[in-house]
Amino acid sequence: MQDPLIEIRSLRKVFRDFWGRPRVEALHGLDLDVGAGEIFGLLGPNGSGKSTTIRLLLGLLHPTSGSIRILGGSPRDVRLKARIGYEPEESFFHPHLTAEETLLFYARIFGLPAATARTRATHLLGLLGLSPARARPVGEFSKGMLRRIGLAQALINDPELVILDEPTAGMDPIGTREVKDLLRDLKRRGKTVILSSHLLADVEDVCDRICILHEGRRRALGPVRALLEEDQRTQIVTDRLSPGTIEAVLALLRDREGPGLRVDVGAPSTRLEDFFLRTVARRDSPSGPPEGARP
């Protein structure tokens, strides 16, 4: 990888008690690179070190040892903050501000001109399906709507690096698909995204590479397709075959590979997310398939 946007070397983080005694070693010598323009998944069970890594990247924590370079500088460099967007796992907004006022508030923190701020706020509210709720106080928002406005505030400064912690938590499947489409669009625009999520199907859909942490150590790292590929098996997918053709193919395979060859024959299945989205997309049709039938 040339010129990684994030470089982590031998990173350790030890949390200490009141007396300064080591209490928890959250990270054990983590090495990690994230390239510019990729969607990178940071995965692991609770307590694996994901949140600690993110806080170290944002300069909210100091490493015990090791080094971090982000956007060519130190996480403690305040000037770099204007190039980063961050949505935490739980967003806390002023409940009496409307959705639009919330975005304008964050735009003002970044020093954006008023006209630019309003243009970006309007665009993001529309992009995330919040235009009808732009004048509603965010204190009235559902969890899914709060995740949307949280994502909008993470993008209000048009950041070069976007760090998202559970961005689709609490969203329905339609909202989840919209967020994943947005992440792909960010990648097309040359943005770098770090995605931390327990929803592994979402990570599999959008990430170029993933890192799996467990007990503060890196357990796996690489492209999603390469990590998931079962290289000891072969899959062939064709259009529907007649029973006679299937029998002939099976006979040929066993003749060439031996009678002990395991072959499973069946129809491929779609993903539940795709089935759900196709089903609800027919809601305006006066006549659709009966319940339980394929749309």
Foldseek 3Di string as FASTA:
>chain_A
DPPFQKWWFQFWAFDADPVRHTDATQAGGDTDTHHWLFEEEEEEDPSQNPVVVVCLQCVVDDTPDTAMAHRRHHSVPPVQVLQFFEQAPDDDDDQAAFLLRRQLVLCVVSVHPPVLSNVLSCVLCVLQVNVVRRRPGCNPDDPQVNLSSSVSSSCSSVHQEYEYEASRPPHDLVSLVSVLVVLVVCSVVRHYYYYYHPPVVSCLVRGQKYWYGGSNYTDDIDGSCVVPDDVVDDDDDDPDDDPVVVVVVVVVCCVVPNVPDDDDDDDDDDDPSVQVVVVVVCVPPPDDDPPPDRD
